[in-house]
Amino acid sequence: MPATDTFAAGRAALTTPAEHAFAITPHDTNELEYVTRELYAGSGGTIVAVLKNGDEVTLASVPSGARLPYRIRQIKATGTTATNLVGLY
């Protein structure tokens, strides 16, 4: 099932703080429940993400506690070493 984008109707809402969060379990085929507006990495490492537009990006050397302002629809299990990931939307 595709990730739900709660901000598809307007960009203005992206300037306000996130109101919801969910734990992320990386998976090579399943998309997230929601497209993120930000990603929190509790324990650092590498994150392989698919952005909202479908581009795949590898984020290397992400530090623990990092907040990444990316619109992400999937976190791949293969190549992702960061843990305790939280999606904010």
N, C-alpha and C. Protein backbone atom coordinates (compact mmCIF):
# COMPACT_ATOMS: atom_id res chain seq x y z
N MET A 1 0.85 -1.17 0.00
CA MET A 1 0.00 0.00 0.00
C MET A 1 0.90 1.24 0.00
N PRO A 2 0.59 2.24 -0.82
CA PRO A 2 1.42 3.45 -0.85
C PRO A 2 1.29 4.26 0.43
N ALA A 3 2.36 4.97 0.75
CA ALA A 3 2.37 5.83 1.93
C ALA A 3 1.37 6.97 1.76
N THR A 4 0.64 7.27 2.81
CA THR A 4 -0.31 8.38 2.80
C THR A 4 0.44 9.69 3.00
N ASP A 5 0.17 10.68 2.15
CA ASP A 5 0.80 11.99 2.28
C ASP A 5 -0.22 12.97 2.85
N THR A 6 -0.14 13.24 4.15
CA THR A 6 -1.10 14.11 4.81
C THR A 6 -0.89 15.58 4.45
N PHE A 7 0.18 15.89 3.72
CA PHE A 7 0.46 17.28 3.34
C PHE A 7 0.33 17.50 1.84
N ALA A 8 -0.30 16.59 1.14
CA ALA A 8 -0.43 16.70 -0.31
C ALA A 8 -1.22 17.93 -0.73
N ALA A 9 -2.13 18.38 0.10
CA ALA A 9 -3.00 19.51 -0.27
C ALA A 9 -2.31 20.87 -0.17
N GLY A 10 -1.25 20.98 0.60
CA GLY A 10 -0.62 22.30 0.72
C GLY A 10 0.73 22.27 1.39
N ARG A 11 1.61 23.14 0.94
CA ARG A 11 2.95 23.21 1.49
C ARG A 11 3.01 24.04 2.77
N ALA A 12 2.07 24.93 2.99
CA ALA A 12 2.12 25.81 4.15
C ALA A 12 2.17 25.02 5.45
N ALA A 13 1.47 23.91 5.53
CA ALA A 13 1.44 23.12 6.75
C ALA A 13 2.80 22.53 7.10
N LEU A 14 3.71 22.44 6.12
CA LEU A 14 5.03 21.88 6.37
C LEU A 14 5.91 22.81 7.21
N THR A 15 5.49 24.03 7.44
CA THR A 15 6.28 24.95 8.23
C THR A 15 5.95 24.87 9.72
N THR A 16 4.90 24.16 10.06
CA THR A 16 4.51 24.01 11.47
C THR A 16 5.16 22.76 12.04
N PRO A 17 5.27 22.65 13.37
CA PRO A 17 5.87 21.45 13.96
C PRO A 17 5.05 20.20 13.64
N ALA A 18 5.72 19.07 13.63
CA ALA A 18 5.04 17.80 13.41
C ALA A 18 4.06 17.54 14.55
N GLU A 19 2.95 16.90 14.23
CA GLU A 19 1.93 16.59 15.23
C GLU A 19 1.82 15.10 15.51
N HIS A 20 2.41 14.27 14.66
CA HIS A 20 2.28 12.82 14.79
C HIS A 20 3.64 12.16 14.58
N ALA A 21 3.81 10.97 15.17
CA ALA A 21 5.05 10.22 15.02
C ALA A 21 4.74 8.73 14.96
N PHE A 22 5.62 7.98 14.31
CA PHE A 22 5.47 6.53 14.25
C PHE A 22 6.84 5.87 14.14
N ALA A 23 6.97 4.71 14.75
CA ALA A 23 8.21 3.94 14.67
C ALA A 23 8.36 3.37 13.26
N ILE A 24 9.59 3.33 12.79
CA ILE A 24 9.87 2.83 11.44
C ILE A 24 10.69 1.55 11.53
N THR A 25 10.18 0.51 10.87
CA THR A 25 10.94 -0.72 10.69
C THR A 25 11.31 -0.79 9.22
N PRO A 26 12.60 -0.64 8.90
CA PRO A 26 13.01 -0.68 7.49
C PRO A 26 12.56 -1.97 6.80
N HIS A 27 12.18 -1.84 5.53
CA HIS A 27 11.72 -2.98 4.74
C HIS A 27 12.05 -2.70 3.29
N ASP A 28 12.49 -3.72 2.56
CA ASP A 28 12.92 -3.52 1.18
C ASP A 28 11.79 -3.33 0.17
N THR A 29 10.55 -3.71 0.51
CA THR A 29 9.45 -3.54 -0.44
C THR A 29 8.29 -2.72 0.10
N ASN A 30 8.03 -2.78 1.39
CA ASN A 30 6.88 -2.06 1.95
C ASN A 30 7.18 -0.58 2.16
N GLU A 31 6.22 0.25 1.77
CA GLU A 31 6.33 1.67 2.03
C GLU A 31 5.88 1.96 3.46
N LEU A 32 6.26 3.12 3.96
CA LEU A 32 5.83 3.57 5.28
C LEU A 32 4.33 3.81 5.27
N GLU A 33 3.72 3.87 6.44
CA GLU A 33 2.30 4.17 6.52
C GLU A 33 2.03 5.60 6.05
N TYR A 34 2.92 6.53 6.39
CA TYR A 34 2.79 7.94 6.02
C TYR A 34 4.09 8.45 5.41
N VAL A 35 3.97 9.38 4.48
CA VAL A 35 5.15 10.10 3.99
C VAL A 35 5.59 11.02 5.12
N THR A 36 6.88 10.99 5.44
CA THR A 36 7.36 11.80 6.55
C THR A 36 7.53 13.26 6.13
N ARG A 37 7.58 14.13 7.12
CA ARG A 37 8.01 15.51 6.90
C ARG A 37 9.38 15.68 7.53
N GLU A 38 9.74 14.69 8.39
CA GLU A 38 11.02 14.70 9.05
C GLU A 38 11.29 13.26 9.54
N LEU A 39 12.57 12.91 9.62
CA LEU A 39 12.97 11.59 10.10
C LEU A 39 13.92 11.78 11.27
N TYR A 40 13.66 11.06 12.36
CA TYR A 40 14.53 11.09 13.53
C TYR A 40 15.30 9.78 13.59
N ALA A 41 16.63 9.87 13.75
CA ALA A 41 17.48 8.69 13.89
C ALA A 41 17.94 8.60 15.33
N GLY A 42 17.38 7.67 16.09
CA GLY A 42 17.76 7.51 17.49
C GLY A 42 19.20 7.05 17.64
N SER A 43 19.59 6.05 16.85
CA SER A 43 20.96 5.55 16.84
C SER A 43 21.49 5.71 15.42
N GLY A 44 22.61 6.36 15.29
CA GLY A 44 23.14 6.73 13.97
C GLY A 44 23.62 5.57 13.12
N GLY A 45 23.96 5.91 11.90
CA GLY A 45 24.45 4.94 10.92
C GLY A 45 24.08 5.40 9.53
N THR A 46 23.88 4.45 8.65
CA THR A 46 23.49 4.72 7.27
C THR A 46 21.99 4.49 7.12
N ILE A 47 21.35 5.36 6.33
CA ILE A 47 19.92 5.21 6.04
C ILE A 47 19.75 5.21 4.52
N VAL A 48 19.11 4.17 4.01
CA VAL A 48 18.77 4.11 2.59
C VAL A 48 17.28 4.42 2.49
N ALA A 49 16.97 5.55 1.88
CA ALA A 49 15.59 6.04 1.85
C ALA A 49 15.10 6.24 0.43
N VAL A 50 13.79 6.08 0.26
CA VAL A 50 13.13 6.44 -1.00
C VAL A 50 12.32 7.69 -0.69
N LEU A 51 12.65 8.77 -1.37
CA LEU A 51 11.96 10.04 -1.15
C LEU A 51 10.56 10.00 -1.76
N LYS A 52 9.76 10.97 -1.41
CA LYS A 52 8.38 11.05 -1.90
C LYS A 52 8.31 10.95 -3.42
N ASN A 53 9.26 11.57 -4.13
CA ASN A 53 9.23 11.58 -5.59
C ASN A 53 9.77 10.30 -6.22
N GLY A 54 10.24 9.33 -5.39
CA GLY A 54 10.72 8.06 -5.89
C GLY A 54 12.23 7.95 -5.97
N ASP A 55 12.96 9.04 -5.78
CA ASP A 55 14.41 8.99 -5.79
C ASP A 55 14.91 8.20 -4.59
N GLU A 56 15.90 7.33 -4.81
CA GLU A 56 16.52 6.60 -3.71
C GLU A 56 17.81 7.30 -3.34
N VAL A 57 18.03 7.49 -2.05
CA VAL A 57 19.21 8.19 -1.57
C VAL A 57 19.81 7.41 -0.39
N THR A 58 21.14 7.37 -0.35
CA THR A 58 21.84 6.78 0.79
C THR A 58 22.42 7.91 1.62
N LEU A 59 22.00 7.98 2.87
CA LEU A 59 22.48 9.00 3.80
C LEU A 59 23.49 8.33 4.71
N ALA A 60 24.77 8.61 4.49
CA ALA A 60 25.85 7.97 5.24
C ALA A 60 26.23 8.80 6.46
N SER A 61 26.71 8.12 7.47
CA SER A 61 27.24 8.76 8.68
C SER A 61 26.23 9.68 9.37
N VAL A 62 24.98 9.26 9.40
CA VAL A 62 23.96 10.03 10.12
C VAL A 62 24.23 9.88 11.62
N PRO A 63 24.39 10.99 12.34
CA PRO A 63 24.68 10.88 13.78
C PRO A 63 23.43 10.51 14.59
N SER A 64 23.67 9.92 15.76
CA SER A 64 22.57 9.63 16.68
C SER A 64 21.86 10.91 17.06
N GLY A 65 20.54 10.87 17.10
CA GLY A 65 19.75 12.04 17.47
C GLY A 65 19.50 13.01 16.33
N ALA A 66 19.92 12.66 15.13
CA ALA A 66 19.73 13.56 13.97
C ALA A 66 18.26 13.65 13.59
N ARG A 67 17.86 14.86 13.21
CA ARG A 67 16.52 15.11 12.66
C ARG A 67 16.72 15.54 11.22
N LEU A 68 16.23 14.73 10.31
CA LEU A 68 16.45 14.95 8.88
C LEU A 68 15.17 15.42 8.21
N PRO A 69 15.17 16.61 7.62
CA PRO A 69 13.95 17.18 7.04
C PRO A 69 13.63 16.67 5.64
N TYR A 70 13.40 15.37 5.54
CA TYR A 70 13.13 14.77 4.22
C TYR A 70 11.73 14.20 4.16
N ARG A 71 11.12 14.31 2.97
CA ARG A 71 9.82 13.71 2.68
C ARG A 71 10.10 12.30 2.17
N ILE A 72 9.97 11.31 3.06
CA ILE A 72 10.37 9.93 2.79
C ILE A 72 9.13 9.03 2.77
N ARG A 73 9.09 8.13 1.76
CA ARG A 73 7.98 7.18 1.70
C ARG A 73 8.40 5.75 2.00
N GLN A 74 9.74 5.49 2.03
CA GLN A 74 10.20 4.14 2.34
C GLN A 74 11.62 4.20 2.90
N ILE A 75 11.91 3.34 3.87
CA ILE A 75 13.26 3.14 4.37
C ILE A 75 13.62 1.70 4.05
N LYS A 76 14.66 1.51 3.26
CA LYS A 76 15.08 0.16 2.86
C LYS A 76 15.83 -0.54 3.99
N ALA A 77 15.59 -1.83 4.13
CA ALA A 77 16.31 -2.63 5.12
C ALA A 77 17.75 -2.87 4.66
N THR A 78 17.90 -3.17 3.37
CA THR A 78 19.23 -3.43 2.83
C THR A 78 20.03 -2.13 2.81
N GLY A 79 21.13 -2.12 3.55
CA GLY A 79 22.01 -0.96 3.59
C GLY A 79 21.76 -0.01 4.75
N THR A 80 20.59 -0.13 5.40
CA THR A 80 20.29 0.75 6.53
C THR A 80 20.85 0.13 7.81
N THR A 81 21.72 0.90 8.48
CA THR A 81 22.30 0.43 9.75
C THR A 81 21.82 1.28 10.93
N ALA A 82 21.27 2.46 10.66
CA ALA A 82 20.73 3.30 11.73
C ALA A 82 19.51 2.60 12.33
N THR A 83 19.30 2.81 13.63
CA THR A 83 18.18 2.15 14.31
C THR A 83 17.37 3.18 15.10
N ASN A 84 16.29 2.71 15.69
CA ASN A 84 15.40 3.57 16.46
C ASN A 84 14.93 4.76 15.60
N LEU A 85 14.49 4.45 14.39
CA LEU A 85 14.03 5.48 13.46
C LEU A 85 12.57 5.83 13.76
N VAL A 86 12.27 7.11 13.69
CA VAL A 86 10.93 7.61 13.93
C VAL A 86 10.55 8.56 12.80
N GLY A 87 9.39 8.31 12.20
CA GLY A 87 8.86 9.21 11.18
C GLY A 87 7.96 10.24 11.83
N LEU A 88 8.13 11.49 11.45
CA LEU A 88 7.30 12.58 11.97
C LEU A 88 6.49 13.15 10.82
N TYR A 89 5.23 13.46 11.11
CA TYR A 89 4.36 14.06 10.07
C TYR A 89 3.33 14.93 10.70
